[in-house]
Amino acid sequence: MKRGLKLLLLPMFMLMNIVSVACEVCKKQQPKVLSGITHGAGPQSDWDYVVVWITIIIVMISLYYSVKWIVRPGEQEKEHIKYSIFNLD
């Protein structure tokens, strides 16, 4: 496996092992899917799930493009503004 891929997967697997425990009252109030994970009342309607999934999708797209443009920005022109910062002549 490539080293870069290992470095990306390592935090994901580490986060999967974190166990968060809700109190007994919260466990009873949560839907079966979220039982024992979060504190509080939980989702009030199906729209809460829609909002959360849309947010997750937006965050994942943003993360993808952030990493992509940091790794390979694609700027090749010598007159690009970044060269005025890197060239301190």
N, C-alpha and C. Protein backbone atom coordinates (compact mmCIF):
# COMPACT_ATOMS: atom_id res chain seq x y z
N MET A 1 0.84 -1.17 0.00
CA MET A 1 0.00 0.00 0.00
C MET A 1 0.89 1.24 0.00
N LYS A 2 0.51 2.25 -0.75
CA LYS A 2 1.31 3.46 -0.82
C LYS A 2 1.32 4.18 0.53
N ARG A 3 2.42 4.86 0.80
CA ARG A 3 2.60 5.54 2.08
C ARG A 3 1.56 6.65 2.26
N GLY A 4 1.28 7.39 1.19
CA GLY A 4 0.30 8.48 1.28
C GLY A 4 -1.08 7.98 1.64
N LEU A 5 -1.46 6.85 1.05
CA LEU A 5 -2.77 6.27 1.34
C LEU A 5 -2.83 5.81 2.79
N LYS A 6 -1.74 5.25 3.28
CA LYS A 6 -1.70 4.83 4.68
C LYS A 6 -1.88 6.02 5.61
N LEU A 7 -1.22 7.14 5.27
CA LEU A 7 -1.34 8.33 6.11
C LEU A 7 -2.76 8.90 6.09
N LEU A 8 -3.48 8.73 5.00
CA LEU A 8 -4.86 9.20 4.95
C LEU A 8 -5.81 8.27 5.68
N LEU A 9 -5.54 6.97 5.62
CA LEU A 9 -6.43 6.01 6.25
C LEU A 9 -6.22 5.87 7.76
N LEU A 10 -5.03 6.16 8.23
CA LEU A 10 -4.71 6.00 9.64
C LEU A 10 -5.64 6.82 10.55
N PRO A 11 -5.82 8.13 10.31
CA PRO A 11 -6.74 8.87 11.20
C PRO A 11 -8.17 8.35 11.14
N MET A 12 -8.60 7.88 9.97
CA MET A 12 -9.95 7.36 9.85
C MET A 12 -10.14 6.12 10.74
N PHE A 13 -9.18 5.21 10.69
CA PHE A 13 -9.29 4.01 11.51
C PHE A 13 -9.14 4.33 13.00
N MET A 14 -8.34 5.33 13.32
CA MET A 14 -8.20 5.72 14.72
C MET A 14 -9.51 6.30 15.24
N LEU A 15 -10.19 7.09 14.42
CA LEU A 15 -11.45 7.68 14.85
C LEU A 15 -12.55 6.64 14.98
N MET A 16 -12.47 5.57 14.20
CA MET A 16 -13.48 4.53 14.29
C MET A 16 -13.40 3.79 15.62
N ASN A 17 -12.25 3.79 16.26
CA ASN A 17 -12.09 3.07 17.51
C ASN A 17 -12.49 3.89 18.74
N ILE A 18 -12.76 5.17 18.53
CA ILE A 18 -13.15 6.01 19.66
C ILE A 18 -14.59 5.65 20.05
N VAL A 19 -14.75 5.36 21.31
CA VAL A 19 -16.07 4.99 21.80
C VAL A 19 -16.61 6.15 22.62
N SER A 20 -17.71 6.70 22.16
CA SER A 20 -18.36 7.75 22.95
C SER A 20 -19.58 7.12 23.60
N VAL A 21 -19.78 7.45 24.83
CA VAL A 21 -20.83 6.80 25.60
C VAL A 21 -21.83 7.85 26.05
N ALA A 22 -23.07 7.64 25.75
CA ALA A 22 -24.13 8.51 26.22
C ALA A 22 -24.66 7.98 27.54
N CYS A 23 -25.27 8.87 28.31
CA CYS A 23 -25.84 8.43 29.59
C CYS A 23 -27.07 7.56 29.32
N GLU A 24 -27.55 6.88 30.34
CA GLU A 24 -28.65 5.93 30.19
C GLU A 24 -29.93 6.61 29.73
N VAL A 25 -30.20 7.81 30.23
CA VAL A 25 -31.41 8.53 29.84
C VAL A 25 -31.36 8.88 28.35
N CYS A 26 -30.19 9.35 27.89
CA CYS A 26 -30.05 9.71 26.49
C CYS A 26 -30.13 8.49 25.58
N LYS A 27 -29.61 7.36 26.04
CA LYS A 27 -29.70 6.13 25.24
C LYS A 27 -31.15 5.76 24.96
N LYS A 28 -32.01 5.95 25.94
CA LYS A 28 -33.42 5.60 25.79
C LYS A 28 -34.15 6.58 24.88
N GLN A 29 -33.70 7.84 24.82
CA GLN A 29 -34.38 8.86 24.01
C GLN A 29 -33.95 8.84 22.55
N GLN A 30 -32.82 8.27 22.26
CA GLN A 30 -32.28 8.29 20.90
C GLN A 30 -32.94 7.22 20.04
N PRO A 31 -33.01 7.47 18.72
CA PRO A 31 -33.44 6.39 17.82
C PRO A 31 -32.42 5.26 17.84
N LYS A 32 -32.81 4.11 17.38
CA LYS A 32 -31.96 2.92 17.45
C LYS A 32 -30.60 3.14 16.78
N VAL A 33 -30.58 3.88 15.66
CA VAL A 33 -29.34 4.11 14.92
C VAL A 33 -28.34 4.91 15.75
N LEU A 34 -28.82 5.89 16.51
CA LEU A 34 -27.93 6.77 17.28
C LEU A 34 -27.83 6.40 18.75
N SER A 35 -28.45 5.35 19.15
CA SER A 35 -28.47 4.96 20.55
C SER A 35 -27.07 4.74 21.10
N GLY A 36 -26.75 5.44 22.18
CA GLY A 36 -25.46 5.29 22.83
C GLY A 36 -24.34 6.12 22.22
N ILE A 37 -24.63 6.88 21.18
CA ILE A 37 -23.58 7.66 20.52
C ILE A 37 -23.61 9.12 20.96
N THR A 38 -24.79 9.70 21.03
CA THR A 38 -24.89 11.14 21.31
C THR A 38 -25.74 11.41 22.54
N HIS A 39 -25.54 12.59 23.08
CA HIS A 39 -26.38 13.06 24.18
C HIS A 39 -27.47 13.95 23.62
N GLY A 40 -28.53 14.13 24.36
CA GLY A 40 -29.58 15.05 23.94
C GLY A 40 -30.80 14.33 23.39
N ALA A 41 -31.70 15.14 22.86
CA ALA A 41 -33.00 14.63 22.41
C ALA A 41 -32.90 13.86 21.10
N GLY A 42 -31.96 14.18 20.28
CA GLY A 42 -31.84 13.50 19.00
C GLY A 42 -32.67 14.18 17.92
N PRO A 43 -32.73 13.58 16.76
CA PRO A 43 -33.45 14.19 15.64
C PRO A 43 -34.94 14.33 15.96
N GLN A 44 -35.50 15.47 15.57
CA GLN A 44 -36.92 15.73 15.83
C GLN A 44 -37.80 15.29 14.66
N SER A 45 -37.22 15.23 13.45
CA SER A 45 -37.99 14.81 12.28
C SER A 45 -37.04 14.21 11.25
N ASP A 46 -37.61 13.74 10.15
CA ASP A 46 -36.78 13.18 9.08
C ASP A 46 -35.95 14.25 8.40
N TRP A 47 -36.39 15.51 8.47
CA TRP A 47 -35.62 16.60 7.86
C TRP A 47 -34.27 16.77 8.53
N ASP A 48 -34.16 16.42 9.80
CA ASP A 48 -32.87 16.51 10.50
C ASP A 48 -31.84 15.58 9.84
N TYR A 49 -32.27 14.40 9.44
CA TYR A 49 -31.37 13.46 8.77
C TYR A 49 -30.96 14.01 7.40
N VAL A 50 -31.91 14.62 6.69
CA VAL A 50 -31.61 15.19 5.37
C VAL A 50 -30.57 16.30 5.50
N VAL A 51 -30.74 17.17 6.47
CA VAL A 51 -29.80 18.27 6.68
C VAL A 51 -28.42 17.73 7.03
N VAL A 52 -28.36 16.74 7.87
CA VAL A 52 -27.06 16.17 8.26
C VAL A 52 -26.38 15.53 7.06
N TRP A 53 -27.10 14.77 6.25
CA TRP A 53 -26.49 14.12 5.08
C TRP A 53 -26.02 15.13 4.04
N ILE A 54 -26.80 16.19 3.84
CA ILE A 54 -26.37 17.25 2.91
C ILE A 54 -25.10 17.90 3.42
N THR A 55 -25.04 18.15 4.71
CA THR A 55 -23.84 18.74 5.31
C THR A 55 -22.64 17.82 5.15
N ILE A 56 -22.82 16.54 5.38
CA ILE A 56 -21.73 15.58 5.22
C ILE A 56 -21.23 15.57 3.78
N ILE A 57 -22.14 15.60 2.82
CA ILE A 57 -21.75 15.60 1.41
C ILE A 57 -20.96 16.85 1.07
N ILE A 58 -21.42 18.01 1.54
CA ILE A 58 -20.71 19.27 1.27
C ILE A 58 -19.31 19.25 1.89
N VAL A 59 -19.20 18.75 3.10
CA VAL A 59 -17.90 18.69 3.77
C VAL A 59 -16.96 17.74 3.04
N MET A 60 -17.45 16.60 2.61
CA MET A 60 -16.59 15.63 1.90
C MET A 60 -16.12 16.18 0.55
N ILE A 61 -17.00 16.89 -0.17
CA ILE A 61 -16.60 17.51 -1.44
C ILE A 61 -15.55 18.58 -1.19
N SER A 62 -15.77 19.40 -0.16
CA SER A 62 -14.79 20.45 0.19
C SER A 62 -13.45 19.84 0.57
N LEU A 63 -13.47 18.78 1.36
CA LEU A 63 -12.24 18.12 1.76
C LEU A 63 -11.50 17.54 0.55
N TYR A 64 -12.24 16.91 -0.35
CA TYR A 64 -11.63 16.33 -1.55
C TYR A 64 -10.91 17.41 -2.36
N TYR A 65 -11.61 18.51 -2.66
CA TYR A 65 -10.99 19.55 -3.47
C TYR A 65 -9.86 20.27 -2.73
N SER A 66 -9.98 20.42 -1.43
CA SER A 66 -8.90 21.04 -0.66
C SER A 66 -7.62 20.22 -0.76
N VAL A 67 -7.74 18.92 -0.54
CA VAL A 67 -6.55 18.05 -0.63
C VAL A 67 -6.04 18.00 -2.06
N LYS A 68 -6.94 17.89 -3.02
CA LYS A 68 -6.54 17.82 -4.43
C LYS A 68 -5.75 19.06 -4.84
N TRP A 69 -6.23 20.24 -4.48
CA TRP A 69 -5.56 21.47 -4.91
C TRP A 69 -4.33 21.80 -4.08
N ILE A 70 -4.21 21.23 -2.91
CA ILE A 70 -2.98 21.40 -2.15
C ILE A 70 -1.89 20.50 -2.71
N VAL A 71 -2.25 19.26 -3.05
CA VAL A 71 -1.28 18.31 -3.57
C VAL A 71 -0.85 18.67 -4.99
N ARG A 72 -1.78 18.99 -5.86
CA ARG A 72 -1.49 19.34 -7.26
C ARG A 72 -2.25 20.60 -7.64
N PRO A 73 -1.68 21.76 -7.37
CA PRO A 73 -2.41 23.00 -7.64
C PRO A 73 -2.60 23.29 -9.12
N GLY A 74 -1.71 22.81 -9.98
CA GLY A 74 -1.88 22.99 -11.41
C GLY A 74 -1.44 24.34 -11.95
N GLU A 75 -0.85 25.16 -11.13
CA GLU A 75 -0.37 26.47 -11.59
C GLU A 75 1.04 26.30 -12.16
N GLN A 76 1.19 26.52 -13.46
CA GLN A 76 2.48 26.32 -14.12
C GLN A 76 3.09 27.61 -14.68
N GLU A 77 2.30 28.67 -14.76
CA GLU A 77 2.80 29.90 -15.35
C GLU A 77 3.82 30.56 -14.43
N LYS A 78 4.91 31.06 -15.02
CA LYS A 78 5.96 31.70 -14.23
C LYS A 78 5.53 33.06 -13.70
N GLU A 79 4.48 33.65 -14.28
CA GLU A 79 3.98 34.94 -13.81
C GLU A 79 2.91 34.80 -12.73
N HIS A 80 2.62 33.59 -12.31
CA HIS A 80 1.58 33.39 -11.31
C HIS A 80 1.97 34.09 -10.01
N ILE A 81 0.99 34.57 -9.27
CA ILE A 81 1.24 35.36 -8.07
C ILE A 81 2.00 34.58 -7.00
N LYS A 82 1.87 33.27 -6.99
CA LYS A 82 2.58 32.50 -5.95
C LYS A 82 4.09 32.62 -6.09
N TYR A 83 4.58 32.84 -7.32
CA TYR A 83 6.02 32.97 -7.52
C TYR A 83 6.55 34.29 -6.97
N SER A 84 5.70 35.29 -6.86
CA SER A 84 6.14 36.56 -6.26
C SER A 84 6.37 36.37 -4.76
N ILE A 85 5.70 35.42 -4.18
CA ILE A 85 5.90 35.13 -2.76
C ILE A 85 7.12 34.23 -2.57
N PHE A 86 7.24 33.21 -3.43
CA PHE A 86 8.35 32.26 -3.29
C PHE A 86 9.68 32.86 -3.71
N ASN A 87 9.69 33.75 -4.68
CA ASN A 87 10.91 34.40 -5.13
C ASN A 87 11.14 35.66 -4.32
N LEU A 88 12.12 35.64 -3.46
CA LEU A 88 12.38 36.81 -2.63
C LEU A 88 13.62 37.56 -3.13
N ASP A 89 13.91 37.48 -4.41
CA ASP A 89 15.07 38.17 -4.99
C ASP A 89 14.88 39.65 -5.02
